[in-house]
Amino acid sequence: MEHVSWRPSTTEHGTLRQKEECGMKAGVRLFVVLLTIGLLAVAAMGKDAPQPAGDVLLTVSGAIALTNGDGVFAMDEAMLRALPMVEYFVVDPWMGDNT
């Protein structure tokens, strides 16, 4: 019986596996962003929108359900610091130590 082995194809920018890992990292990033938005939306349901006490640093506009201004959601430093923080490190073969 003949033994057949398979190796991922190598391209100019790396192996197929590296490209799959890069795509998977982008999927994880998208999942984290969507999860954060979903958690914020659930937390905001049934609550009055807090008003910024200090200088507004970030204004979110568009198709949003919760507003604290004229069709926008404005946030000051304290409101931004109260958001959940996520930190993660990735190994990127093209960026090296700059990731």
N, C-alpha and C. Protein backbone atom coordinates (compact mmCIF):
# COMPACT_ATOMS: atom_id res chain seq x y z
N MET A 1 0.83 -1.17 0.00
CA MET A 1 0.00 0.00 0.00
C MET A 1 0.89 1.24 0.00
N GLU A 2 0.52 2.19 -0.78
CA GLU A 2 1.32 3.39 -0.94
C GLU A 2 0.96 4.42 0.14
N HIS A 3 2.00 5.02 0.76
CA HIS A 3 1.79 6.04 1.79
C HIS A 3 1.81 7.42 1.13
N VAL A 4 0.79 8.20 1.40
CA VAL A 4 0.70 9.54 0.82
C VAL A 4 0.73 10.54 1.95
N SER A 5 1.62 11.50 1.85
CA SER A 5 1.67 12.55 2.87
C SER A 5 1.25 13.87 2.23
N TRP A 6 0.74 14.74 3.06
CA TRP A 6 0.26 16.03 2.57
C TRP A 6 0.90 17.13 3.39
N ARG A 7 1.38 18.13 2.74
CA ARG A 7 1.92 19.30 3.42
C ARG A 7 1.16 20.52 2.95
N PRO A 8 0.89 21.46 3.86
CA PRO A 8 0.22 22.69 3.43
C PRO A 8 1.07 23.41 2.41
N SER A 9 0.42 24.05 1.48
CA SER A 9 1.16 24.76 0.45
C SER A 9 1.83 25.98 1.06
N THR A 10 3.00 26.31 0.57
CA THR A 10 3.73 27.48 1.02
C THR A 10 3.56 28.57 -0.03
N THR A 11 3.22 29.75 0.43
CA THR A 11 3.07 30.88 -0.48
C THR A 11 4.15 31.90 -0.18
N GLU A 12 4.08 33.00 -0.88
CA GLU A 12 5.07 34.06 -0.68
C GLU A 12 5.01 34.61 0.73
N HIS A 13 3.85 34.59 1.36
CA HIS A 13 3.68 35.20 2.66
C HIS A 13 3.56 34.20 3.80
N GLY A 14 3.84 32.96 3.60
CA GLY A 14 3.80 31.99 4.68
C GLY A 14 2.97 30.78 4.32
N THR A 15 2.85 29.89 5.28
CA THR A 15 2.12 28.66 5.04
C THR A 15 0.63 28.88 5.15
N LEU A 16 -0.10 27.92 4.67
CA LEU A 16 -1.56 27.96 4.76
C LEU A 16 -1.98 27.98 6.22
N ARG A 17 -1.27 27.28 7.06
CA ARG A 17 -1.59 27.25 8.50
C ARG A 17 -1.45 28.64 9.11
N GLN A 18 -0.41 29.38 8.75
CA GLN A 18 -0.23 30.73 9.28
C GLN A 18 -1.38 31.63 8.85
N LYS A 19 -1.82 31.48 7.61
CA LYS A 19 -2.95 32.28 7.13
C LYS A 19 -4.23 31.91 7.86
N GLU A 20 -4.43 30.63 8.15
CA GLU A 20 -5.61 30.20 8.89
C GLU A 20 -5.57 30.77 10.30
N GLU A 21 -4.39 30.77 10.95
CA GLU A 21 -4.25 31.31 12.29
C GLU A 21 -4.53 32.81 12.30
N CYS A 22 -4.07 33.52 11.28
CA CYS A 22 -4.32 34.95 11.18
C CYS A 22 -5.81 35.22 11.03
N GLY A 23 -6.49 34.44 10.21
CA GLY A 23 -7.93 34.58 10.05
C GLY A 23 -8.67 34.24 11.33
N MET A 24 -8.16 33.25 12.07
CA MET A 24 -8.78 32.88 13.33
C MET A 24 -8.61 34.00 14.36
N LYS A 25 -7.45 34.66 14.37
CA LYS A 25 -7.22 35.78 15.28
C LYS A 25 -8.18 36.91 14.99
N ALA A 26 -8.43 37.17 13.71
CA ALA A 26 -9.38 38.22 13.34
C ALA A 26 -10.78 37.83 13.80
N GLY A 27 -11.12 36.57 13.72
CA GLY A 27 -12.42 36.10 14.19
C GLY A 27 -12.56 36.25 15.70
N VAL A 28 -11.48 35.99 16.43
CA VAL A 28 -11.50 36.15 17.89
C VAL A 28 -11.68 37.62 18.24
N ARG A 29 -10.97 38.49 17.53
CA ARG A 29 -11.11 39.94 17.78
C ARG A 29 -12.54 40.40 17.53
N LEU A 30 -13.14 39.94 16.44
CA LEU A 30 -14.51 40.31 16.13
C LEU A 30 -15.46 39.79 17.20
N PHE A 31 -15.24 38.56 17.66
CA PHE A 31 -16.07 38.00 18.71
C PHE A 31 -15.98 38.82 19.99
N VAL A 32 -14.78 39.24 20.38
CA VAL A 32 -14.60 40.04 21.59
C VAL A 32 -15.32 41.37 21.46
N VAL A 33 -15.21 42.01 20.31
CA VAL A 33 -15.89 43.29 20.09
C VAL A 33 -17.40 43.13 20.16
N LEU A 34 -17.93 42.12 19.48
CA LEU A 34 -19.38 41.89 19.49
C LEU A 34 -19.87 41.51 20.88
N LEU A 35 -19.09 40.73 21.61
CA LEU A 35 -19.47 40.35 22.97
C LEU A 35 -19.51 41.57 23.87
N THR A 36 -18.52 42.45 23.76
CA THR A 36 -18.49 43.67 24.56
C THR A 36 -19.68 44.55 24.26
N ILE A 37 -19.99 44.72 22.98
CA ILE A 37 -21.14 45.54 22.59
C ILE A 37 -22.43 44.91 23.12
N GLY A 38 -22.56 43.61 23.02
CA GLY A 38 -23.74 42.93 23.52
C GLY A 38 -23.89 43.07 25.03
N LEU A 39 -22.79 42.93 25.75
CA LEU A 39 -22.84 43.08 27.21
C LEU A 39 -23.21 44.50 27.60
N LEU A 40 -22.67 45.47 26.90
CA LEU A 40 -23.03 46.86 27.18
C LEU A 40 -24.50 47.12 26.89
N ALA A 41 -25.01 46.53 25.82
CA ALA A 41 -26.42 46.73 25.47
C ALA A 41 -27.33 46.09 26.52
N VAL A 42 -26.99 44.89 26.98
CA VAL A 42 -27.79 44.22 28.00
C VAL A 42 -27.72 45.00 29.32
N ALA A 43 -26.55 45.48 29.66
CA ALA A 43 -26.39 46.25 30.90
C ALA A 43 -27.18 47.56 30.84
N ALA A 44 -27.34 48.10 29.65
CA ALA A 44 -28.01 49.39 29.50
C ALA A 44 -29.53 49.26 29.47
N MET A 45 -30.04 48.06 29.23
CA MET A 45 -31.49 47.89 29.12
C MET A 45 -32.17 48.23 30.44
N GLY A 46 -33.17 49.05 30.38
CA GLY A 46 -33.93 49.39 31.57
C GLY A 46 -33.26 50.39 32.48
N LYS A 47 -32.16 50.93 32.08
CA LYS A 47 -31.45 51.90 32.90
C LYS A 47 -31.46 53.26 32.21
N ASP A 48 -31.41 54.28 33.04
CA ASP A 48 -31.25 55.62 32.50
C ASP A 48 -29.80 55.79 32.08
N ALA A 49 -29.60 56.47 30.99
CA ALA A 49 -28.24 56.69 30.50
C ALA A 49 -27.53 57.67 31.42
N PRO A 50 -26.34 57.32 31.87
CA PRO A 50 -25.59 58.24 32.72
C PRO A 50 -25.13 59.46 31.92
N GLN A 51 -25.04 60.57 32.59
CA GLN A 51 -24.59 61.80 31.95
C GLN A 51 -23.11 62.00 32.28
N PRO A 52 -22.31 62.44 31.32
CA PRO A 52 -20.90 62.70 31.63
C PRO A 52 -20.78 63.87 32.61
N ALA A 53 -19.93 63.70 33.62
CA ALA A 53 -19.72 64.75 34.62
C ALA A 53 -18.56 65.66 34.22
N GLY A 54 -17.60 65.09 33.48
CA GLY A 54 -16.43 65.87 33.08
C GLY A 54 -16.48 66.20 31.60
N ASP A 55 -15.32 66.53 31.06
CA ASP A 55 -15.21 66.84 29.63
C ASP A 55 -15.49 65.59 28.81
N VAL A 56 -16.26 65.73 27.75
CA VAL A 56 -16.60 64.60 26.88
C VAL A 56 -15.37 64.24 26.05
N LEU A 57 -14.97 62.95 26.13
CA LEU A 57 -13.80 62.46 25.39
C LEU A 57 -14.19 61.61 24.19
N LEU A 58 -15.38 60.98 24.26
CA LEU A 58 -15.82 60.11 23.17
C LEU A 58 -17.31 60.29 22.98
N THR A 59 -17.72 60.45 21.73
CA THR A 59 -19.13 60.56 21.39
C THR A 59 -19.47 59.47 20.38
N VAL A 60 -20.47 58.65 20.70
CA VAL A 60 -20.93 57.58 19.82
C VAL A 60 -22.25 58.02 19.22
N SER A 61 -22.34 57.93 17.89
CA SER A 61 -23.58 58.32 17.21
C SER A 61 -23.94 57.25 16.19
N GLY A 62 -25.11 57.38 15.63
CA GLY A 62 -25.56 56.41 14.63
C GLY A 62 -26.81 55.72 15.11
N ALA A 63 -26.99 54.48 14.69
CA ALA A 63 -28.18 53.71 15.05
C ALA A 63 -27.96 53.09 16.44
N ILE A 64 -28.10 53.91 17.50
CA ILE A 64 -27.92 53.43 18.86
C ILE A 64 -29.22 53.61 19.64
N ALA A 65 -29.48 52.70 20.55
CA ALA A 65 -30.74 52.74 21.30
C ALA A 65 -30.62 53.59 22.55
N LEU A 66 -29.47 53.61 23.18
CA LEU A 66 -29.30 54.33 24.43
C LEU A 66 -28.54 55.63 24.16
N THR A 67 -29.15 56.75 24.48
CA THR A 67 -28.50 58.04 24.28
C THR A 67 -28.55 58.85 25.57
N ASN A 68 -27.62 59.75 25.70
CA ASN A 68 -27.63 60.66 26.84
C ASN A 68 -27.50 62.11 26.38
N GLY A 69 -27.76 62.32 25.12
CA GLY A 69 -27.69 63.66 24.55
C GLY A 69 -28.63 63.74 23.36
N ASP A 70 -28.31 64.58 22.44
CA ASP A 70 -29.12 64.80 21.24
C ASP A 70 -28.85 63.70 20.22
N GLY A 71 -29.36 62.48 20.49
CA GLY A 71 -29.17 61.36 19.57
C GLY A 71 -27.78 60.75 19.62
N VAL A 72 -26.99 61.07 20.65
CA VAL A 72 -25.63 60.55 20.79
C VAL A 72 -25.45 60.01 22.21
N PHE A 73 -24.41 59.23 22.39
CA PHE A 73 -24.01 58.78 23.72
C PHE A 73 -22.63 59.34 23.96
N ALA A 74 -22.54 60.32 24.86
CA ALA A 74 -21.27 60.98 25.16
C ALA A 74 -20.67 60.38 26.42
N MET A 75 -19.34 60.20 26.42
CA MET A 75 -18.65 59.61 27.57
C MET A 75 -17.48 60.48 28.00
N ASP A 76 -17.33 60.60 29.32
CA ASP A 76 -16.18 61.30 29.87
C ASP A 76 -15.15 60.26 30.32
N GLU A 77 -14.08 60.71 30.95
CA GLU A 77 -13.01 59.80 31.35
C GLU A 77 -13.49 58.74 32.33
N ALA A 78 -14.29 59.13 33.32
CA ALA A 78 -14.77 58.17 34.32
C ALA A 78 -15.63 57.08 33.68
N MET A 79 -16.47 57.46 32.71
CA MET A 79 -17.32 56.48 32.03
C MET A 79 -16.48 55.52 31.20
N LEU A 80 -15.45 56.03 30.54
CA LEU A 80 -14.58 55.17 29.74
C LEU A 80 -13.80 54.20 30.62
N ARG A 81 -13.31 54.68 31.76
CA ARG A 81 -12.56 53.81 32.67
C ARG A 81 -13.45 52.73 33.29
N ALA A 82 -14.75 52.96 33.36
CA ALA A 82 -15.68 51.98 33.93
C ALA A 82 -15.99 50.84 32.96
N LEU A 83 -15.65 50.99 31.67
CA LEU A 83 -15.90 49.93 30.70
C LEU A 83 -14.98 48.74 30.98
N PRO A 84 -15.42 47.52 30.65
CA PRO A 84 -14.55 46.35 30.85
C PRO A 84 -13.32 46.43 29.95
N MET A 85 -12.19 46.04 30.50
CA MET A 85 -10.93 46.07 29.76
C MET A 85 -10.56 44.67 29.31
N VAL A 86 -10.00 44.58 28.10
CA VAL A 86 -9.53 43.32 27.55
C VAL A 86 -8.12 43.56 27.02
N GLU A 87 -7.22 42.68 27.38
CA GLU A 87 -5.86 42.78 26.88
C GLU A 87 -5.43 41.40 26.40
N TYR A 88 -4.84 41.35 25.22
CA TYR A 88 -4.34 40.09 24.71
C TYR A 88 -3.16 40.35 23.81
N PHE A 89 -2.29 39.37 23.70
CA PHE A 89 -1.10 39.47 22.88
C PHE A 89 -1.17 38.41 21.79
N VAL A 90 -0.71 38.76 20.61
CA VAL A 90 -0.69 37.83 19.51
C VAL A 90 0.72 37.74 18.94
N VAL A 91 1.01 36.64 18.33
CA VAL A 91 2.28 36.47 17.62
C VAL A 91 1.98 36.63 16.15
N ASP A 92 2.53 37.67 15.56
CA ASP A 92 2.30 37.95 14.16
C ASP A 92 3.62 37.76 13.41
N PRO A 93 3.68 36.80 12.50
CA PRO A 93 4.94 36.53 11.81
C PRO A 93 5.43 37.69 10.94
N TRP A 94 4.56 38.59 10.55
CA TRP A 94 4.95 39.70 9.70
C TRP A 94 5.36 40.93 10.51
N MET A 95 4.78 41.11 11.70
CA MET A 95 5.10 42.28 12.52
C MET A 95 6.21 42.02 13.51
N GLY A 96 6.48 40.76 13.83
CA GLY A 96 7.55 40.42 14.76
C GLY A 96 7.22 40.89 16.17
N ASP A 97 8.15 41.61 16.79
CA ASP A 97 7.97 42.08 18.17
C ASP A 97 7.11 43.33 18.25
N ASN A 98 6.61 43.84 17.15
CA ASN A 98 5.81 45.06 17.15
C ASN A 98 4.34 44.81 17.40
N THR A 99 3.96 43.61 17.84
CA THR A 99 2.55 43.31 18.07
C THR A 99 2.18 43.52 19.51
